[in-house]
Amino acid sequence: MKQAKISKTQAEKVALTKVSNGTIQSGEIEREHGKLVWSFDIAATHTKNVTEVQVDAKSGKIISVKTETPVDQAKEAAADQLKK
């Protein structure tokens, strides 16, 4: 967390530029593929899909945007439970 140069609030603003009228459901800082990233799940109106946006915690640049269907979300939740 101390290595992050971009605050969670700053990263949220950047992430929300990718999903118009989106609402952040969850957000966390994590290390992914050797990079420290802010990862946000953003819900958009009129869809059950969630857009996962990852923002580089050092530069503030978007490094990944991925749409997850409800089936994808369930698989990810099950995999997370197995890790615990």
Protein backbone atom coordinates (compact mmCIF):
# COMPACT_ATOMS: atom_id res chain seq x y z
CA MET A 1 0.00 0.00 0.00
CA LYS A 2 2.85 2.39 0.79
CA GLN A 3 4.21 1.85 -2.72
CA ALA A 4 1.02 3.22 -4.28
CA LYS A 5 1.41 6.75 -5.59
CA ILE A 6 -2.24 6.95 -6.65
CA SER A 7 -4.88 7.06 -3.91
CA LYS A 8 -7.94 4.85 -3.99
CA THR A 9 -10.12 7.92 -4.64
CA GLN A 10 -7.97 9.00 -7.58
CA ALA A 11 -7.98 5.48 -9.02
CA GLU A 12 -11.78 5.25 -8.64
CA LYS A 13 -12.22 8.42 -10.73
CA VAL A 14 -9.98 7.00 -13.45
CA ALA A 15 -11.78 3.63 -13.42
CA LEU A 16 -15.22 5.23 -13.66
CA THR A 17 -14.25 6.89 -16.96
CA LYS A 18 -14.56 3.42 -18.56
CA VAL A 19 -18.14 2.74 -17.41
CA SER A 20 -20.66 5.49 -18.05
CA ASN A 21 -23.15 5.83 -15.19
CA GLY A 22 -21.26 3.09 -13.35
CA THR A 23 -21.22 2.41 -9.62
CA ILE A 24 -18.24 0.87 -7.89
CA GLN A 25 -19.28 -2.32 -6.10
CA SER A 26 -15.88 -3.18 -4.67
CA GLY A 27 -12.29 -2.10 -4.87
CA GLU A 28 -8.99 -3.36 -3.57
CA ILE A 29 -5.29 -2.95 -4.05
CA GLU A 30 -3.46 -6.06 -5.13
CA ARG A 31 -0.35 -7.27 -6.87
CA GLU A 32 -1.16 -8.75 -10.26
CA HIS A 33 1.41 -9.91 -12.80
CA GLY A 34 4.14 -8.19 -10.78
CA LYS A 35 2.36 -4.82 -10.74
CA LEU A 36 0.62 -3.07 -7.88
CA VAL A 37 -2.91 -2.28 -9.10
CA TRP A 38 -6.19 -0.90 -7.86
CA SER A 39 -8.88 -3.33 -9.00
CA PHE A 40 -12.52 -2.20 -9.14
CA ASP A 41 -15.73 -4.04 -9.96
CA ILE A 42 -18.10 -1.53 -11.55
CA ALA A 43 -21.79 -2.15 -12.15
CA ALA A 44 -23.59 -0.33 -14.93
CA THR A 45 -27.30 0.36 -15.09
CA HIS A 46 -29.53 -1.94 -17.17
CA THR A 47 -27.12 -4.91 -17.12
CA LYS A 48 -26.10 -7.66 -14.73
CA ASN A 49 -22.57 -7.67 -16.12
CA VAL A 50 -19.77 -6.15 -14.09
CA THR A 51 -16.77 -4.38 -15.59
CA GLU A 52 -13.49 -5.02 -13.83
CA VAL A 53 -11.10 -2.11 -14.29
CA GLN A 54 -7.51 -2.24 -13.09
CA VAL A 55 -5.58 0.97 -12.56
CA ASP A 56 -1.80 1.00 -12.09
CA ALA A 57 -1.26 2.17 -8.49
CA LYS A 58 1.97 3.94 -9.41
CA SER A 59 1.14 5.67 -12.71
CA GLY A 60 -2.66 6.00 -12.55
CA LYS A 61 -3.05 4.49 -16.04
CA ILE A 62 -5.73 1.93 -16.85
CA ILE A 63 -4.02 -1.39 -17.52
CA SER A 64 -7.00 -3.71 -17.90
CA VAL A 65 -10.73 -3.52 -18.62
CA LYS A 66 -12.70 -6.76 -18.56
CA THR A 67 -16.45 -7.42 -18.64
CA GLU A 68 -17.67 -10.25 -16.45
CA THR A 69 -21.07 -11.92 -16.88
CA PRO A 70 -22.94 -13.26 -13.83
CA VAL A 71 -21.54 -16.74 -14.67
CA ASP A 72 -17.98 -15.34 -14.72
CA GLN A 73 -18.61 -13.59 -11.40
CA ALA A 74 -19.84 -16.82 -9.78
CA LYS A 75 -16.76 -18.72 -11.00
CA GLU A 76 -14.45 -16.00 -9.63
CA ALA A 77 -16.24 -15.99 -6.27
CA ALA A 78 -15.93 -19.79 -6.04
CA ALA A 79 -12.22 -19.63 -6.88
CA ASP A 80 -11.70 -16.93 -4.23
CA GLN A 81 -13.40 -19.14 -1.63
CA LEU A 82 -11.05 -22.00 -2.46
CA LYS A 83 -8.04 -19.73 -1.86
CA LYS A 84 -9.21 -18.94 1.67
